[in-house]
Amino acid sequence: MCLRGVHSLRPGYIVQIYSDRLFLTVQSLVTQHHTIYPRIPPQGIYFEALAERAFHLSGVPSAHIAQTARNSPGHDIIVGEERISLKTETGRGTKSGRIAITKLCTTEREPWEARVLVDRTIDHLSRYDRMFMLRAIWSDSVVHYQLVDIPLDLLRLIQQADLSQVGRRQGRRSLGGDVSKDDEVVFHVHYDGSDGKCQIRNLLLEQCDLLREWDQRL
């Protein structure tokens, strides 16, 4: 049995956040989803509902799971006392070894300055304890699924990024920069000047925890 993510609520009582049973349950529910939507992976509120159901079915007491309000700026679901952000990457352009987070958070307010944007991102990351992602890599007849835990400490390396203006947009310019760890670029952070979103691009999968992967035939 996998023991990732063990969390103690009180002496003598343990909630196991991540387990092999959870991963198998997610896989089973994704398969059931495809019986209704053969070529559409679960995403958005559908993945939120699926994940919540998976935690219930995998044995975590229901009293310790509570979904937060839709479009909450923080975590999406609470398991025990763990605040979890749920993400999906399921488009046709998904790459097997590089992760994209199209909306880590939104930083629309002024001033549009590098230090301010980074500080708001770090504040956003403090609102949850884990990031749990479902990814879909497409081929002609198979979707290769991955369940990934993205370390928040890795994302906090944004604080070290040297942001500069990118693109040719008129008005508020986008900002972006590479983020390195041990002299290796591990992802690129992009602050979109048009909609205020903080995006993560080309995050190396090898820097994250690949929890489970499987093939879903279409």
C-alpha atoms as a PDB file:
ATOM      1  CA  MET A   1       0.000   0.000   0.000  1.00  0.00           C
ATOM      2  CA  CYS A   2       1.262   3.427  -0.933  1.00  0.00           C
ATOM      3  CA  LEU A   3       1.758   5.726   2.065  1.00  0.00           C
ATOM      4  CA  ARG A   4       2.162   9.076   0.333  1.00  0.00           C
ATOM      5  CA  GLY A   5       0.296  11.880   2.007  1.00  0.00           C
ATOM      6  CA  VAL A   6      -0.433  10.358   5.419  1.00  0.00           C
ATOM      7  CA  HIS A   7      -1.930  13.017   7.653  1.00  0.00           C
ATOM      8  CA  SER A   8      -2.896  12.732  11.318  1.00  0.00           C
ATOM      9  CA  LEU A   9      -6.087  14.456  12.431  1.00  0.00           C
ATOM     10  CA  ARG A  10      -5.678  13.573  16.095  1.00  0.00           C
ATOM     11  CA  PRO A  11      -3.708  11.002  18.141  1.00  0.00           C
ATOM     12  CA  GLY A  12      -4.662   7.494  17.093  1.00  0.00           C
ATOM     13  CA  TYR A  13      -6.601   8.582  14.001  1.00  0.00           C
ATOM     14  CA  ILE A  14      -4.981   8.620  10.573  1.00  0.00           C
ATOM     15  CA  VAL A  15      -6.400   9.731   7.255  1.00  0.00           C
ATOM     16  CA  GLN A  16      -4.358   8.425   4.344  1.00  0.00           C
ATOM     17  CA  ILE A  17      -4.689  11.111   1.712  1.00  0.00           C
ATOM     18  CA  TYR A  18      -2.974   9.263  -1.142  1.00  0.00           C
ATOM     19  CA  SER A  19      -3.126   5.505  -1.551  1.00  0.00           C
ATOM     20  CA  ASP A  20      -3.038   2.913  -4.302  1.00  0.00           C
ATOM     21  CA  ARG A  21      -6.730   2.333  -3.628  1.00  0.00           C
ATOM     22  CA  LEU A  22      -7.447   5.994  -4.383  1.00  0.00           C
ATOM     23  CA  PHE A  23      -5.519   5.877  -7.657  1.00  0.00           C
ATOM     24  CA  LEU A  24      -7.290   2.690  -8.777  1.00  0.00           C
ATOM     25  CA  THR A  25     -10.631   4.266  -7.874  1.00  0.00           C
ATOM     26  CA  VAL A  26      -9.881   7.363  -9.950  1.00  0.00           C
ATOM     27  CA  GLN A  27      -8.936   5.109 -12.860  1.00  0.00           C
ATOM     28  CA  SER A  28     -12.188   3.169 -12.517  1.00  0.00           C
ATOM     29  CA  LEU A  29     -14.276   6.349 -12.387  1.00  0.00           C
ATOM     30  CA  VAL A  30     -12.486   7.793 -15.418  1.00  0.00           C
ATOM     31  CA  THR A  31     -13.307   4.589 -17.305  1.00  0.00           C
ATOM     32  CA  GLN A  32     -16.966   4.948 -16.294  1.00  0.00           C
ATOM     33  CA  HIS A  33     -16.901   8.582 -17.432  1.00  0.00           C
ATOM     34  CA  HIS A  34     -15.790   7.426 -20.890  1.00  0.00           C
ATOM     35  CA  THR A  35     -18.808   5.169 -21.220  1.00  0.00           C
ATOM     36  CA  ILE A  36     -20.888   8.368 -21.349  1.00  0.00           C
ATOM     37  CA  TYR A  37     -18.356  10.717 -22.972  1.00  0.00           C
ATOM     38  CA  PRO A  38     -16.194   8.435 -25.136  1.00  0.00           C
ATOM     39  CA  ARG A  39     -13.792  11.112 -26.375  1.00  0.00           C
ATOM     40  CA  ILE A  40     -14.016  13.789 -23.665  1.00  0.00           C
ATOM     41  CA  PRO A  41     -11.796  13.424 -20.579  1.00  0.00           C
ATOM     42  CA  PRO A  42     -13.185  14.608 -17.221  1.00  0.00           C
ATOM     43  CA  GLN A  43     -12.217  18.188 -16.510  1.00  0.00           C
ATOM     44  CA  GLY A  44     -13.395  21.187 -14.521  1.00  0.00           C
ATOM     45  CA  ILE A  45     -16.381  20.509 -12.269  1.00  0.00           C
ATOM     46  CA  TYR A  46     -16.625  16.974 -13.669  1.00  0.00           C
ATOM     47  CA  PHE A  47     -13.146  16.106 -12.399  1.00  0.00           C
ATOM     48  CA  GLU A  48     -13.873  17.835  -9.082  1.00  0.00           C
ATOM     49  CA  ALA A  49     -16.951  15.618  -8.613  1.00  0.00           C
ATOM     50  CA  LEU A  50     -15.018  12.540  -9.728  1.00  0.00           C
ATOM     51  CA  ALA A  51     -12.145  13.261  -7.321  1.00  0.00           C
ATOM     52  CA  GLU A  52     -14.495  13.857  -4.415  1.00  0.00           C
ATOM     53  CA  ARG A  53     -16.257  10.557  -5.151  1.00  0.00           C
ATOM     54  CA  ALA A  54     -12.920   8.754  -5.428  1.00  0.00           C
ATOM     55  CA  PHE A  55     -11.806   9.934  -1.991  1.00  0.00           C
ATOM     56  CA  HIS A  56     -15.094   8.702  -0.514  1.00  0.00           C
ATOM     57  CA  LEU A  57     -14.897   5.311  -2.211  1.00  0.00           C
ATOM     58  CA  SER A  58     -11.244   4.825  -1.302  1.00  0.00           C
ATOM     59  CA  GLY A  59     -12.110   4.783   2.392  1.00  0.00           C
ATOM     60  CA  VAL A  60     -11.641   8.318   3.705  1.00  0.00           C
ATOM     61  CA  PRO A  61     -14.562   9.035   6.096  1.00  0.00           C
ATOM     62  CA  SER A  62     -17.083  11.306   4.424  1.00  0.00           C
ATOM     63  CA  ALA A  63     -17.127  13.680   7.413  1.00  0.00           C
ATOM     64  CA  HIS A  64     -13.602  14.739   6.469  1.00  0.00           C
ATOM     65  CA  ILE A  65     -14.276  15.583   2.847  1.00  0.00           C
ATOM     66  CA  ALA A  66     -15.910  18.910   1.979  1.00  0.00           C
ATOM     67  CA  GLN A  67     -15.899  20.542  -1.430  1.00  0.00           C
ATOM     68  CA  THR A  68     -15.429  24.297  -1.344  1.00  0.00           C
ATOM     69  CA  ALA A  69     -17.470  26.867  -3.283  1.00  0.00           C
ATOM     70  CA  ARG A  70     -17.278  26.814  -7.076  1.00  0.00           C
ATOM     71  CA  ASN A  71     -14.551  29.013  -8.558  1.00  0.00           C
ATOM     72  CA  SER A  72     -12.965  29.446  -5.145  1.00  0.00           C
ATOM     73  CA  PRO A  73      -9.651  31.322  -5.375  1.00  0.00           C
ATOM     74  CA  GLY A  74      -8.062  28.736  -3.102  1.00  0.00           C
ATOM     75  CA  HIS A  75      -8.339  24.969  -2.747  1.00  0.00           C
ATOM     76  CA  ASP A  76     -11.011  22.918  -4.493  1.00  0.00           C
ATOM     77  CA  ILE A  77     -11.565  20.135  -1.975  1.00  0.00           C
ATOM     78  CA  ILE A  78     -10.720  19.348   1.643  1.00  0.00           C
ATOM     79  CA  VAL A  79      -9.696  15.810   2.591  1.00  0.00           C
ATOM     80  CA  GLY A  80      -9.265  15.455   6.325  1.00  0.00           C
ATOM     81  CA  GLU A  81      -7.417  18.675   7.053  1.00  0.00           C
ATOM     82  CA  GLU A  82      -5.572  18.762   3.732  1.00  0.00           C
ATOM     83  CA  ARG A  83      -6.554  21.509   1.273  1.00  0.00           C
ATOM     84  CA  ILE A  84      -6.180  20.223  -2.269  1.00  0.00           C
ATOM     85  CA  SER A  85      -6.102  22.094  -5.563  1.00  0.00           C
ATOM     86  CA  LEU A  86      -7.442  19.941  -8.414  1.00  0.00           C
ATOM     87  CA  LYS A  87      -6.041  20.505 -11.894  1.00  0.00           C
ATOM     88  CA  THR A  88      -6.504  18.874 -15.299  1.00  0.00           C
ATOM     89  CA  GLU A  89      -4.481  18.961 -18.486  1.00  0.00           C
ATOM     90  CA  THR A  90      -6.446  17.090 -21.120  1.00  0.00           C
ATOM     91  CA  GLY A  91      -6.092  18.936 -24.419  1.00  0.00           C
ATOM     92  CA  ARG A  92      -4.769  17.385 -27.612  1.00  0.00           C
ATOM     93  CA  GLY A  93      -1.489  19.223 -27.158  1.00  0.00           C
ATOM     94  CA  THR A  94      -0.669  17.654 -23.791  1.00  0.00           C
ATOM     95  CA  LYS A  95       2.939  16.435 -23.714  1.00  0.00           C
ATOM     96  CA  SER A  96       3.934  13.269 -21.872  1.00  0.00           C
ATOM     97  CA  GLY A  97       6.963  14.727 -20.080  1.00  0.00           C
ATOM     98  CA  ARG A  98       6.093  18.417 -19.718  1.00  0.00           C
ATOM     99  CA  ILE A  99       3.173  19.801 -17.740  1.00  0.00           C
ATOM    100  CA  ALA A 100       1.170  22.943 -18.451  1.00  0.00           C
ATOM    101  CA  ILE A 101      -1.034  24.680 -15.884  1.00  0.00           C
ATOM    102  CA  THR A 102      -3.138  27.134 -17.865  1.00  0.00           C
ATOM    103  CA  LYS A 103      -4.416  28.898 -14.763  1.00  0.00           C
ATOM    104  CA  LEU A 104      -2.434  28.593 -11.569  1.00  0.00           C
ATOM    105  CA  CYS A 105      -4.187  31.722 -10.305  1.00  0.00           C
ATOM    106  CA  THR A 106      -5.430  35.106 -11.490  1.00  0.00           C
ATOM    107  CA  THR A 107      -3.528  38.274 -10.574  1.00  0.00           C
ATOM    108  CA  GLU A 108      -5.641  40.879 -12.360  1.00  0.00           C
ATOM    109  CA  ARG A 109      -5.313  43.761  -9.937  1.00  0.00           C
ATOM    110  CA  GLU A 110      -2.824  46.571 -10.405  1.00  0.00           C
ATOM    111  CA  PRO A 111      -0.005  47.336 -10.026  1.00  0.00           C
ATOM    112  CA  TRP A 112       1.170  45.050 -12.832  1.00  0.00           C
ATOM    113  CA  GLU A 113       4.710  44.680 -11.517  1.00  0.00           C
ATOM    114  CA  ALA A 114       6.885  41.574 -11.350  1.00  0.00           C
ATOM    115  CA  ARG A 115       7.435  41.584  -7.595  1.00  0.00           C
ATOM    116  CA  VAL A 116       3.755  42.211  -6.859  1.00  0.00           C
ATOM    117  CA  LEU A 117       2.633  39.417  -9.204  1.00  0.00           C
ATOM    118  CA  VAL A 118       5.058  36.925  -7.686  1.00  0.00           C
ATOM    119  CA  ASP A 119       3.989  37.831  -4.144  1.00  0.00           C
ATOM    120  CA  ARG A 120       0.323  37.302  -5.065  1.00  0.00           C
ATOM    121  CA  THR A 121       1.169  33.925  -6.571  1.00  0.00           C
ATOM    122  CA  ILE A 122       3.037  32.814  -3.453  1.00  0.00           C
ATOM    123  CA  ASP A 123       0.098  33.973  -1.336  1.00  0.00           C
ATOM    124  CA  HIS A 124      -2.234  31.904  -3.524  1.00  0.00           C
ATOM    125  CA  LEU A 125      -0.066  28.804  -3.111  1.00  0.00           C
ATOM    126  CA  SER A 126      -0.308  29.197   0.673  1.00  0.00           C
ATOM    127  CA  ARG A 127      -4.061  28.535   0.465  1.00  0.00           C
ATOM    128  CA  TYR A 128      -3.658  24.811  -0.132  1.00  0.00           C
ATOM    129  CA  ASP A 129      -1.429  21.910   0.825  1.00  0.00           C
ATOM    130  CA  ARG A 130      -1.362  19.793  -2.334  1.00  0.00           C
ATOM    131  CA  MET A 131      -1.924  19.966  -6.060  1.00  0.00           C
ATOM    132  CA  PHE A 132      -3.488  16.853  -7.622  1.00  0.00           C
ATOM    133  CA  MET A 133      -3.611  16.711 -11.425  1.00  0.00           C
ATOM    134  CA  LEU A 134      -5.201  14.439 -14.011  1.00  0.00           C
ATOM    135  CA  ARG A 135      -3.427  14.509 -17.392  1.00  0.00           C
ATOM    136  CA  ALA A 136      -4.474  13.006 -20.749  1.00  0.00           C
ATOM    137  CA  ILE A 137      -1.962  12.347 -23.529  1.00  0.00           C
ATOM    138  CA  TRP A 138      -3.711  11.579 -26.815  1.00  0.00           C
ATOM    139  CA  SER A 139      -2.992   9.139 -29.635  1.00  0.00           C
ATOM    140  CA  ASP A 140      -5.273   7.829 -32.405  1.00  0.00           C
ATOM    141  CA  SER A 141      -7.024   5.122 -30.385  1.00  0.00           C
ATOM    142  CA  VAL A 142      -5.751   5.534 -26.810  1.00  0.00           C
ATOM    143  CA  VAL A 143      -5.659   8.214 -24.149  1.00  0.00           C
ATOM    144  CA  HIS A 144      -2.706   7.756 -21.810  1.00  0.00           C
ATOM    145  CA  TYR A 145      -3.705   9.067 -18.388  1.00  0.00           C
ATOM    146  CA  GLN A 146      -1.388  10.267 -15.639  1.00  0.00           C
ATOM    147  CA  LEU A 147      -2.176  11.161 -12.035  1.00  0.00           C
ATOM    148  CA  VAL A 148       0.417  13.611 -10.771  1.00  0.00           C
ATOM    149  CA  ASP A 149       1.139  15.357  -7.500  1.00  0.00           C
ATOM    150  CA  ILE A 150       2.855  18.685  -8.215  1.00  0.00           C
ATOM    151  CA  PRO A 151       5.088  19.767  -5.306  1.00  0.00           C
ATOM    152  CA  LEU A 152       4.148  23.216  -4.077  1.00  0.00           C
ATOM    153  CA  ASP A 153       7.739  23.886  -3.017  1.00  0.00           C
ATOM    154  CA  LEU A 154       8.698  23.455  -6.671  1.00  0.00           C
ATOM    155  CA  LEU A 155       6.150  26.075  -7.745  1.00  0.00           C
ATOM    156  CA  ARG A 156       7.350  28.446  -5.025  1.00  0.00           C
ATOM    157  CA  LEU A 157      10.645  28.670  -6.901  1.00  0.00           C
ATOM    158  CA  ILE A 158       8.784  31.329  -8.910  1.00  0.00           C
ATOM    159  CA  GLN A 159      10.271  33.692  -6.338  1.00  0.00           C
ATOM    160  CA  GLN A 160      13.643  33.209  -8.042  1.00  0.00           C
ATOM    161  CA  ALA A 161      12.417  33.956 -11.577  1.00  0.00           C
ATOM    162  CA  ASP A 162      13.824  36.934 -13.449  1.00  0.00           C
ATOM    163  CA  LEU A 163      10.678  38.201 -15.174  1.00  0.00           C
ATOM    164  CA  SER A 164      10.807  40.310 -18.310  1.00  0.00           C
ATOM    165  CA  GLN A 165       8.247  41.645 -20.777  1.00  0.00           C
ATOM    166  CA  VAL A 166       7.264  39.284 -23.593  1.00  0.00           C
ATOM    167  CA  GLY A 167       5.035  39.518 -26.657  1.00  0.00           C
ATOM    168  CA  ARG A 168       3.913  42.522 -28.669  1.00  0.00           C
ATOM    169  CA  ARG A 169       0.552  43.239 -27.083  1.00  0.00           C
ATOM    170  CA  GLN A 170      -0.457  46.883 -26.898  1.00  0.00           C
ATOM    171  CA  GLY A 171      -1.122  48.161 -23.390  1.00  0.00           C
ATOM    172  CA  ARG A 172      -0.332  45.935 -20.422  1.00  0.00           C
ATOM    173  CA  ARG A 173       2.487  43.628 -21.500  1.00  0.00           C
ATOM    174  CA  SER A 174       2.815  40.005 -20.460  1.00  0.00           C
ATOM    175  CA  LEU A 175       5.701  39.007 -18.202  1.00  0.00           C
ATOM    176  CA  GLY A 176       7.585  35.721 -18.232  1.00  0.00           C
ATOM    177  CA  GLY A 177      10.721  33.976 -17.107  1.00  0.00           C
ATOM    178  CA  ASP A 178      12.400  30.619 -16.677  1.00  0.00           C
ATOM    179  CA  VAL A 179      12.583  28.984 -13.254  1.00  0.00           C
ATOM    180  CA  SER A 180      15.611  26.856 -12.421  1.00  0.00           C
ATOM    181  CA  LYS A 181      16.502  24.246  -9.832  1.00  0.00           C
ATOM    182  CA  ASP A 182      20.077  22.998  -9.416  1.00  0.00           C
ATOM    183  CA  ASP A 183      21.086  24.885 -12.580  1.00  0.00           C
ATOM    184  CA  GLU A 184      18.366  23.194 -14.656  1.00  0.00           C
ATOM    185  CA  VAL A 185      15.336  25.007 -16.066  1.00  0.00           C
ATOM    186  CA  VAL A 186      12.359  23.149 -14.565  1.00  0.00           C
ATOM    187  CA  PHE A 187       9.502  25.329 -15.867  1.00  0.00           C
ATOM    188  CA  HIS A 188       8.554  28.689 -17.326  1.00  0.00           C
ATOM    189  CA  VAL A 189       6.178  31.093 -15.580  1.00  0.00           C
ATOM    190  CA  HIS A 190       4.007  33.437 -17.664  1.00  0.00           C
ATOM    191  CA  TYR A 191       1.797  36.296 -16.453  1.00  0.00           C
ATOM    192  CA  ASP A 192      -0.686  37.062 -19.230  1.00  0.00           C
ATOM    193  CA  GLY A 193      -1.238  40.782 -19.667  1.00  0.00           C
ATOM    194  CA  SER A 194      -4.644  40.292 -21.302  1.00  0.00           C
ATOM    195  CA  ASP A 195      -6.445  38.297 -18.592  1.00  0.00           C
ATOM    196  CA  GLY A 196      -4.116  38.432 -15.594  1.00  0.00           C
ATOM    197  CA  LYS A 197      -3.601  34.677 -15.389  1.00  0.00           C
ATOM    198  CA  CYS A 198      -0.448  33.115 -14.020  1.00  0.00           C
ATOM    199  CA  GLN A 199       0.458  30.147 -16.213  1.00  0.00           C
ATOM    200  CA  ILE A 200       3.043  27.409 -15.777  1.00  0.00           C
ATOM    201  CA  ARG A 201       4.612  26.053 -18.961  1.00  0.00           C
ATOM    202  CA  ASN A 202       6.938  23.127 -19.662  1.00  0.00           C
ATOM    203  CA  LEU A 203       7.066  21.920 -16.058  1.00  0.00           C
ATOM    204  CA  LEU A 204       9.250  18.812 -16.059  1.00  0.00           C
ATOM    205  CA  LEU A 205       7.218  15.758 -15.102  1.00  0.00           C
ATOM    206  CA  GLU A 206      10.340  14.182 -13.591  1.00  0.00           C
ATOM    207  CA  GLN A 207      10.320  16.927 -10.949  1.00  0.00           C
ATOM    208  CA  CYS A 208       6.837  15.856  -9.820  1.00  0.00           C
ATOM    209  CA  ASP A 209       5.399  12.693  -8.273  1.00  0.00           C
ATOM    210  CA  LEU A 210       3.832  10.453 -10.925  1.00  0.00           C
ATOM    211  CA  LEU A 211       1.259   8.588  -8.845  1.00  0.00           C
ATOM    212  CA  ARG A 212      -0.300   6.356 -11.497  1.00  0.00           C
ATOM    213  CA  GLU A 213      -0.605   6.033 -15.274  1.00  0.00           C
ATOM    214  CA  TRP A 214      -2.771   3.880 -17.524  1.00  0.00           C
ATOM    215  CA  ASP A 215      -4.167   3.655 -21.050  1.00  0.00           C
ATOM    216  CA  GLN A 216      -7.825   4.256 -21.854  1.00  0.00           C
ATOM    217  CA  ARG A 217      -8.898   2.872 -25.229  1.00  0.00           C
ATOM    218  CA  LEU A 218     -11.352   5.012 -27.170  1.00  0.00           C
END
